[in-house]
Amino acid sequence: MNTVKQVLAQKTGPLIYVCSDDMVVDALCHMRDNRVRSVLVIDEGVLVGIVTQGDCAIKVLLPGLDAKLTPVSQVMTGNPVTVEPKDKLEICMSMMATRRFRHLPVLEEGKVVGVISIGDIVKEAISDLERNVGDLMGYITRGGVGG
């Protein structure tokens, strides 16, 4: 399987984030407008957290709080687990499955360079499998090594 860097290279679009003092409604609008399920929380260039749709539903909606008056800092997951571009996707997948989260911020030299999702990893795993099947089919139809 590939590295985080290879997956990030295939992603397009800007980094989606909010500040910790932004209101939850702002985070939700970013999620809606960009069709994502989480946004990073970055203050003065430093990653301080991540907030997901689930966080908003469980920590704002269920208790009856007002998303327009609730700061992101109140519902975000602070100090999120991160990975680096050089990390292997198998490690990321294992970490995500074990710890039950779907998004990993990617840091390079302390700076946020992107986010990978479990969906990104699954797509890459499927691509790898398709390449392997194609290679095996070519090997079989050519009669082995060298045809």
Protein backbone atom coordinates (compact mmCIF):
# COMPACT_ATOMS: atom_id res chain seq x y z
CA MET A 1 0.00 0.00 0.00
CA ASN A 2 1.07 3.60 -0.53
CA THR A 3 1.96 6.50 1.72
CA VAL A 4 -0.08 9.41 3.00
CA LYS A 5 1.85 11.70 0.63
CA GLN A 6 0.62 9.76 -2.42
CA VAL A 7 -2.99 10.04 -1.27
CA LEU A 8 -2.69 13.77 -0.57
CA ALA A 9 -1.25 14.29 -4.06
CA GLN A 10 -4.54 13.04 -5.53
CA LYS A 11 -6.71 15.37 -3.46
CA THR A 12 -7.73 18.76 -4.73
CA GLY A 13 -9.19 21.82 -3.13
CA PRO A 14 -8.25 24.03 -0.22
CA LEU A 15 -7.72 22.96 3.37
CA ILE A 16 -11.02 23.36 5.23
CA TYR A 17 -10.69 24.73 8.74
CA VAL A 18 -12.16 27.00 11.40
CA CYS A 19 -10.74 28.74 14.47
CA SER A 20 -11.51 27.55 17.98
CA ASP A 21 -13.45 30.73 18.76
CA ASP A 22 -15.66 30.39 15.66
CA MET A 23 -19.20 29.23 16.32
CA VAL A 24 -20.29 25.65 15.63
CA VAL A 25 -22.68 26.91 12.95
CA ASP A 26 -19.63 28.18 11.00
CA ALA A 27 -17.99 24.76 11.16
CA LEU A 28 -21.23 23.12 10.00
CA CYS A 29 -21.53 25.56 7.10
CA HIS A 30 -17.97 24.74 6.00
CA MET A 31 -18.81 21.03 6.17
CA ARG A 32 -21.97 21.51 4.14
CA ASP A 33 -20.44 23.82 1.56
CA ASN A 34 -17.41 21.58 1.01
CA ARG A 35 -19.24 18.26 1.35
CA VAL A 36 -16.98 17.02 4.15
CA ARG A 37 -17.78 15.53 7.53
CA SER A 38 -15.12 17.22 9.60
CA VAL A 39 -13.05 20.38 9.69
CA LEU A 40 -9.75 21.08 11.32
CA VAL A 41 -9.48 23.68 14.06
CA ILE A 42 -6.44 25.87 13.48
CA ASP A 43 -5.47 28.87 15.59
CA GLU A 44 -2.66 31.14 14.34
CA GLY A 45 -1.35 28.42 12.03
CA VAL A 46 -1.31 25.72 14.72
CA LEU A 47 -3.58 22.66 14.69
CA VAL A 48 -5.50 22.66 17.98
CA GLY A 49 -8.35 20.27 17.18
CA ILE A 50 -10.81 18.68 14.83
CA VAL A 51 -14.59 18.91 14.85
CA THR A 52 -16.93 16.46 13.16
CA GLN A 53 -20.60 16.34 12.32
CA GLY A 54 -20.94 13.77 15.08
CA ASP A 55 -19.38 16.15 17.61
CA CYS A 56 -21.90 18.81 16.60
CA ALA A 57 -24.87 16.46 16.82
CA ILE A 58 -23.93 14.84 20.13
CA LYS A 59 -22.46 17.85 21.94
CA VAL A 60 -24.71 20.62 20.59
CA LEU A 61 -27.95 19.24 19.14
CA LEU A 62 -28.73 16.60 21.77
CA PRO A 63 -28.18 18.85 24.81
CA GLY A 64 -30.23 21.59 23.11
CA LEU A 65 -27.43 24.13 22.74
CA ASP A 66 -27.53 26.83 20.08
CA ALA A 67 -24.97 26.21 17.31
CA LYS A 68 -24.90 29.96 16.66
CA LEU A 69 -23.79 30.64 20.24
CA THR A 70 -21.58 27.62 20.95
CA PRO A 71 -17.87 28.00 20.18
CA VAL A 72 -16.06 25.22 18.34
CA SER A 73 -13.63 24.96 21.27
CA GLN A 74 -16.48 23.58 23.38
CA VAL A 75 -17.17 20.61 21.10
CA MET A 76 -13.93 19.87 19.23
CA THR A 77 -11.53 17.04 19.91
CA GLY A 78 -8.39 18.80 21.07
CA ASN A 79 -4.87 17.68 20.22
CA PRO A 80 -5.98 15.20 17.55
CA VAL A 81 -3.89 12.25 16.49
CA THR A 82 -1.89 13.19 13.39
CA VAL A 83 0.21 11.48 10.75
CA GLU A 84 3.04 12.57 8.46
CA PRO A 85 3.25 12.36 4.67
CA LYS A 86 5.84 9.56 4.87
CA ASP A 87 3.54 7.30 6.94
CA LYS A 88 2.21 4.11 5.35
CA LEU A 89 -1.53 3.83 4.76
CA GLU A 90 -1.63 0.45 6.55
CA ILE A 91 -0.59 2.21 9.76
CA CYS A 92 -3.25 4.88 9.25
CA MET A 93 -5.94 2.32 8.53
CA SER A 94 -5.05 0.30 11.61
CA MET A 95 -4.99 3.40 13.80
CA MET A 96 -8.36 4.58 12.47
CA ALA A 97 -9.97 1.18 12.96
CA THR A 98 -8.56 0.68 16.45
CA ARG A 99 -9.31 4.16 17.72
CA ARG A 100 -12.58 4.51 15.80
CA PHE A 101 -12.10 7.76 13.96
CA ARG A 102 -12.44 8.59 10.28
CA HIS A 103 -10.15 11.57 9.71
CA LEU A 104 -6.45 12.12 10.27
CA PRO A 105 -4.80 15.52 9.99
CA VAL A 106 -1.46 15.37 8.19
CA LEU A 107 1.43 17.44 9.55
CA GLU A 108 4.76 18.10 7.89
CA GLU A 109 7.37 19.86 10.02
CA GLY A 110 4.59 20.95 12.38
CA LYS A 111 2.44 22.50 9.64
CA VAL A 112 -0.91 21.13 8.51
CA VAL A 113 -0.66 19.94 4.90
CA GLY A 114 -3.95 18.07 4.60
CA VAL A 115 -6.38 15.53 5.95
CA ILE A 116 -6.91 11.93 4.95
CA SER A 117 -10.14 10.07 5.55
CA ILE A 118 -10.95 6.41 5.85
CA GLY A 119 -12.65 6.81 2.46
CA ASP A 120 -9.36 7.97 0.92
CA ILE A 121 -7.63 4.88 2.31
CA VAL A 122 -10.36 2.52 1.10
CA LYS A 123 -10.19 4.04 -2.41
CA GLU A 124 -6.44 3.53 -2.45
CA ALA A 125 -6.77 -0.06 -1.23
CA ILE A 126 -9.28 -0.80 -4.01
CA SER A 127 -6.95 0.74 -6.61
CA ASP A 128 -4.10 -1.42 -5.33
CA LEU A 129 -6.28 -4.54 -5.57
CA GLU A 130 -7.36 -3.66 -9.11
CA ARG A 131 -3.71 -3.18 -10.15
CA ASN A 132 -2.78 -6.52 -8.59
CA VAL A 133 -5.64 -8.33 -10.34
CA GLY A 134 -4.64 -6.74 -13.66
CA ASP A 135 -1.04 -7.84 -13.16
CA LEU A 136 -2.11 -11.38 -12.29
CA MET A 137 -4.47 -11.57 -15.26
CA GLY A 138 -1.66 -10.46 -17.55
CA TYR A 139 0.65 -13.05 -16.04
CA ILE A 140 -1.96 -15.81 -16.52
CA THR A 141 -2.95 -14.89 -20.07
CA ARG A 142 0.67 -14.57 -21.20
CA GLY A 143 1.53 -18.01 -19.82
CA GLY A 144 3.74 -16.91 -16.97
CA VAL A 145 6.93 -14.91 -16.80
CA GLY A 146 8.07 -13.86 -20.24
CA GLY A 147 4.93 -15.25 -21.96
